Amino acid sequence: MGVCERPDAKRSPNGKRYDPERLFLPPDDDLAPNRPGETLRVRLDTSRTGRLGLILARLLGRRPVEDAWRRSLAAERLVGAELDGLAAAGWEVVHSIALPGDAVVPHLLIGPGGVFCVAPEPVRGAHAEVGEETVRVAGERHGRPCVRRVRQAAARCAPVLTRGCGFLVRVHPVLVLVGAAGVEVTPALEDVRVLREDEVAGLGALGGALHPDRVDRVHTVARNRRVWLAA
């Protein structure tokens, strides 16, 4: 399973490198065309809760899961657009990578600065306190385990990419708090980068971690749906 190492990356007529292995990737297994929030779009399209049911649930004070999906979809679209804008600086992005179970990697950013597992979290104008495991949002009784989730997702991605590429690939977790009125991060949190949506483009300034040929290689492996079956 995976993609064999191909050291002889070629160039297209416009000068862009490409890995020959991409030519043999079946369309159904190619994740490159995924749009930001692809998995959430599918969930919403296949939801059995009709419009009347959603309205009734809201009137009764319930919180339909579809509302949370829509907020998350809007956040993923916003962050995904920022990440896609880094292409001119040599970065690649794969959106909505489904892992075994219910886990999804919203965005995998690959470029000169390394590989980043990017997870947006909608906060909707509230103040957020980021701890080592959870985010506490003002007005909510319980903390959200999104810090732990993005850390775990990055940890699952690293060995998959390392096996497929044939060289060590480190994956850094990034949590993006979308719409936060204020963000306070505990100094003890050192392994997860915490950003607001207007800081996402700053990732494009990072460099010195991956040679362009390795960026191309990691992207080729990451876009192959089958390699993630072993995550």
Protein backbone atom coordinates (compact mmCIF):
# COMPACT_ATOMS: atom_id res chain seq x y z
CA MET A 1 0.00 0.00 0.00
CA GLY A 2 1.22 3.54 -0.60
CA VAL A 3 3.37 5.06 -3.25
CA CYS A 4 6.82 3.82 -4.22
CA GLU A 5 9.73 6.23 -3.93
CA ARG A 6 10.43 7.97 -7.23
CA PRO A 7 13.59 10.10 -6.94
CA ASP A 8 13.44 11.23 -10.57
CA ALA A 9 10.79 13.94 -10.26
CA LYS A 10 10.13 15.43 -13.70
CA ARG A 11 8.91 18.80 -14.88
CA SER A 12 5.86 19.73 -16.89
CA PRO A 13 6.17 22.04 -19.94
CA ASN A 14 5.55 25.08 -17.70
CA GLY A 15 8.47 24.11 -15.47
CA LYS A 16 6.49 22.78 -12.49
CA ARG A 17 7.81 19.58 -10.93
CA TYR A 18 5.61 16.55 -10.71
CA ASP A 19 6.07 13.04 -9.42
CA PRO A 20 5.50 10.41 -12.14
CA GLU A 21 3.55 8.35 -9.61
CA ARG A 22 0.70 10.85 -9.88
CA LEU A 23 0.04 9.68 -13.42
CA PHE A 24 -0.98 6.27 -12.07
CA LEU A 25 -3.27 7.47 -9.29
CA PRO A 26 -6.91 6.49 -10.07
CA PRO A 27 -9.27 9.49 -10.01
CA ASP A 28 -11.39 7.93 -7.24
CA ASP A 29 -8.30 7.73 -5.02
CA ASP A 30 -7.03 11.24 -5.72
CA LEU A 31 -7.83 13.64 -2.88
CA ALA A 32 -6.34 16.67 -4.62
CA PRO A 33 -9.73 17.83 -6.02
CA ASN A 34 -11.28 17.88 -2.52
CA ARG A 35 -12.78 21.22 -1.61
CA PRO A 36 -12.39 22.67 1.88
CA GLY A 37 -15.01 21.06 4.10
CA GLU A 38 -15.73 18.24 1.64
CA THR A 39 -16.55 15.75 4.39
CA LEU A 40 -18.93 18.19 6.09
CA ARG A 41 -20.64 18.94 2.79
CA VAL A 42 -21.34 15.23 2.35
CA ARG A 43 -22.69 14.93 5.89
CA LEU A 44 -25.06 17.84 5.36
CA ASP A 45 -26.19 16.57 1.96
CA THR A 46 -26.97 13.13 3.38
CA SER A 47 -28.54 14.31 6.65
CA ARG A 48 -32.02 12.88 7.21
CA THR A 49 -33.13 15.84 9.31
CA GLY A 50 -35.37 17.96 7.13
CA ARG A 51 -35.77 21.72 7.30
CA LEU A 52 -38.93 21.43 9.40
CA GLY A 53 -37.17 19.15 11.84
CA LEU A 54 -34.31 21.63 12.24
CA ILE A 55 -36.72 24.51 12.87
CA LEU A 56 -38.65 22.48 15.44
CA ALA A 57 -35.47 21.46 17.25
CA ARG A 58 -34.33 25.08 17.48
CA LEU A 59 -37.74 26.20 18.78
CA LEU A 60 -37.48 23.55 21.49
CA GLY A 61 -34.07 24.85 22.52
CA ARG A 62 -32.14 21.91 21.13
CA ARG A 63 -28.90 22.21 19.18
CA PRO A 64 -29.10 20.20 15.96
CA VAL A 65 -25.75 18.71 14.99
CA GLU A 66 -26.34 20.09 11.49
CA ASP A 67 -25.96 23.63 12.86
CA ALA A 68 -22.54 22.74 14.25
CA TRP A 69 -21.60 21.17 10.92
CA ARG A 70 -22.55 24.37 9.09
CA ARG A 71 -20.44 26.51 11.42
CA SER A 72 -17.51 24.16 10.99
CA LEU A 73 -17.99 24.15 7.22
CA ALA A 74 -17.87 27.95 7.10
CA ALA A 75 -14.67 27.91 9.17
CA GLU A 76 -13.04 25.30 6.95
CA ARG A 77 -13.97 27.22 3.82
CA LEU A 78 -12.44 30.41 5.21
CA VAL A 79 -9.21 28.79 6.37
CA GLY A 80 -9.02 26.62 3.26
CA ALA A 81 -9.15 29.68 1.03
CA GLU A 82 -6.28 31.25 2.99
CA LEU A 83 -4.20 28.09 2.61
CA ASP A 84 -4.96 27.74 -1.10
CA GLY A 85 -3.64 31.27 -1.52
CA LEU A 86 -0.16 30.08 -0.54
CA ALA A 87 0.27 28.06 -3.75
CA ALA A 88 2.30 30.78 -5.45
CA ALA A 89 4.88 30.54 -2.67
CA GLY A 90 5.46 26.83 -3.26
CA TRP A 91 2.90 25.36 -0.89
CA GLU A 92 0.45 22.51 -1.54
CA VAL A 93 -2.76 21.71 0.34
CA VAL A 94 -4.89 18.58 0.62
CA HIS A 95 -8.33 19.19 2.14
CA SER A 96 -10.68 16.85 4.03
CA ILE A 97 -8.58 13.72 4.51
CA ALA A 98 -10.74 11.02 6.09
CA LEU A 99 -8.93 8.74 8.52
CA PRO A 100 -10.20 5.35 9.72
CA GLY A 101 -12.97 5.90 12.25
CA ASP A 102 -14.61 9.33 12.41
CA ALA A 103 -11.45 11.46 12.37
CA VAL A 104 -10.88 13.94 9.54
CA VAL A 105 -7.83 16.08 8.80
CA PRO A 106 -9.46 19.33 7.62
CA HIS A 107 -6.32 20.65 5.87
CA LEU A 108 -2.83 19.24 5.33
CA LEU A 109 -0.45 22.04 4.35
CA ILE A 110 2.83 21.03 2.72
CA GLY A 111 5.57 23.42 1.74
CA PRO A 112 9.00 24.94 2.35
CA GLY A 113 8.28 25.38 6.05
CA GLY A 114 7.26 21.76 6.59
CA VAL A 115 4.02 19.83 6.91
CA PHE A 116 1.13 21.12 9.02
CA CYS A 117 -2.12 19.52 10.12
CA VAL A 118 -4.46 22.52 10.23
CA ALA A 119 -7.75 22.34 12.13
CA PRO A 120 -10.18 25.31 12.17
CA GLU A 121 -12.42 25.75 15.20
CA PRO A 122 -15.35 28.23 15.00
CA VAL A 123 -15.62 30.41 18.11
CA ARG A 124 -18.19 33.02 16.94
CA GLY A 125 -17.06 36.23 18.62
CA ALA A 126 -16.25 34.78 22.05
CA HIS A 127 -13.07 34.87 24.08
CA ALA A 128 -11.11 31.62 24.05
CA GLU A 129 -8.66 30.25 26.60
CA VAL A 130 -6.39 27.60 25.10
CA GLY A 131 -4.99 24.98 27.47
CA GLU A 132 -2.76 21.97 26.88
CA GLU A 133 -5.72 19.74 25.97
CA THR A 134 -8.85 21.85 25.56
CA VAL A 135 -10.18 25.26 24.56
CA ARG A 136 -12.55 26.98 26.96
CA VAL A 137 -14.91 29.36 25.19
CA ALA A 138 -16.66 32.09 27.16
CA GLY A 139 -20.28 31.18 27.81
CA GLU A 140 -19.77 27.42 27.43
CA ARG A 141 -19.83 25.05 30.39
CA HIS A 142 -17.33 22.53 29.06
CA GLY A 143 -14.00 22.83 27.31
CA ARG A 144 -13.66 21.68 23.72
CA PRO A 145 -11.07 18.92 23.17
CA CYS A 146 -9.85 20.47 19.90
CA VAL A 147 -6.24 20.88 21.07
CA ARG A 148 -6.03 17.19 21.83
CA ARG A 149 -7.76 16.28 18.56
CA VAL A 150 -5.41 18.24 16.30
CA ARG A 151 -2.39 16.87 18.16
CA GLN A 152 -3.64 13.32 17.70
CA ALA A 153 -4.44 13.90 14.02
CA ALA A 154 -0.92 15.21 13.36
CA ALA A 155 0.54 12.20 15.18
CA ARG A 156 -1.47 9.86 12.95
CA CYS A 157 -0.40 11.65 9.77
CA ALA A 158 3.35 11.55 10.41
CA PRO A 159 3.96 7.77 10.17
CA VAL A 160 1.67 7.45 7.14
CA LEU A 161 3.59 10.08 5.22
CA THR A 162 6.95 8.76 6.41
CA ARG A 163 6.16 5.26 5.15
CA GLY A 164 4.84 6.50 1.84
CA CYS A 165 7.68 8.94 1.18
CA GLY A 166 10.59 6.82 2.36
CA PHE A 167 12.01 9.63 4.49
CA LEU A 168 11.10 11.14 7.85
CA VAL A 169 8.11 13.49 7.69
CA ARG A 170 7.25 15.53 10.74
CA VAL A 171 3.71 16.90 10.93
CA HIS A 172 3.04 19.94 13.10
CA PRO A 173 -0.43 20.57 14.56
CA VAL A 174 -2.04 23.97 13.99
CA LEU A 175 -5.30 25.07 15.61
CA VAL A 176 -7.09 28.05 14.02
CA LEU A 177 -9.68 29.79 16.18
CA VAL A 178 -12.08 31.36 13.71
CA GLY A 179 -14.04 34.43 14.83
CA ALA A 180 -12.51 34.65 18.30
CA ALA A 181 -12.89 38.01 20.05
CA GLY A 182 -9.77 37.26 22.04
CA VAL A 183 -7.35 34.37 22.48
CA GLU A 184 -5.29 33.48 25.54
CA VAL A 185 -2.84 30.58 25.19
CA THR A 186 -1.23 28.88 28.15
CA PRO A 187 2.58 29.15 28.04
CA ALA A 188 2.75 25.41 28.72
CA LEU A 189 1.37 24.66 25.23
CA GLU A 190 4.49 24.28 23.10
CA ASP A 191 3.68 21.63 20.50
CA VAL A 192 0.50 23.08 18.99
CA ARG A 193 0.57 26.36 17.07
CA VAL A 194 -2.55 28.47 17.78
CA LEU A 195 -3.63 31.08 15.23
CA ARG A 196 -6.55 33.30 14.34
CA GLU A 197 -7.88 33.20 10.81
CA ASP A 198 -6.09 36.41 9.82
CA GLU A 199 -2.76 34.85 10.84
CA VAL A 200 -3.04 31.74 8.66
CA ALA A 201 -1.35 33.34 5.64
CA GLY A 202 1.71 33.89 7.82
CA LEU A 203 2.48 30.18 7.56
CA GLY A 204 3.57 30.89 4.01
CA ALA A 205 6.58 32.84 5.29
CA LEU A 206 8.05 29.73 6.93
CA GLY A 207 10.89 27.98 5.17
CA GLY A 208 14.04 25.93 5.48
CA ALA A 209 12.36 22.61 6.27
CA LEU A 210 11.57 20.89 2.94
CA HIS A 211 13.29 21.00 -0.45
CA PRO A 212 10.84 21.58 -3.33
CA ASP A 213 11.32 17.99 -4.53
CA ARG A 214 10.30 16.71 -1.11
CA VAL A 215 7.32 19.05 -1.01
CA ASP A 216 6.22 17.51 -4.29
CA ARG A 217 6.82 14.00 -2.98
CA VAL A 218 4.88 14.49 0.26
CA HIS A 219 2.00 16.02 -1.67
CA THR A 220 1.91 13.05 -4.05
CA VAL A 221 1.68 10.62 -1.13
CA ALA A 222 -0.81 12.75 0.83
CA ARG A 223 -3.28 13.00 -2.03
CA ASN A 224 -3.54 9.19 -2.32
CA ARG A 225 -6.67 8.12 -0.45
CA ARG A 226 -5.42 4.56 0.00
CA VAL A 227 -2.34 5.43 2.03
CA TRP A 228 -4.60 6.83 4.75
CA LEU A 229 -6.35 3.48 5.24
CA ALA A 230 -3.43 2.51 7.50
CA ALA A 231 -3.54 5.67 9.63
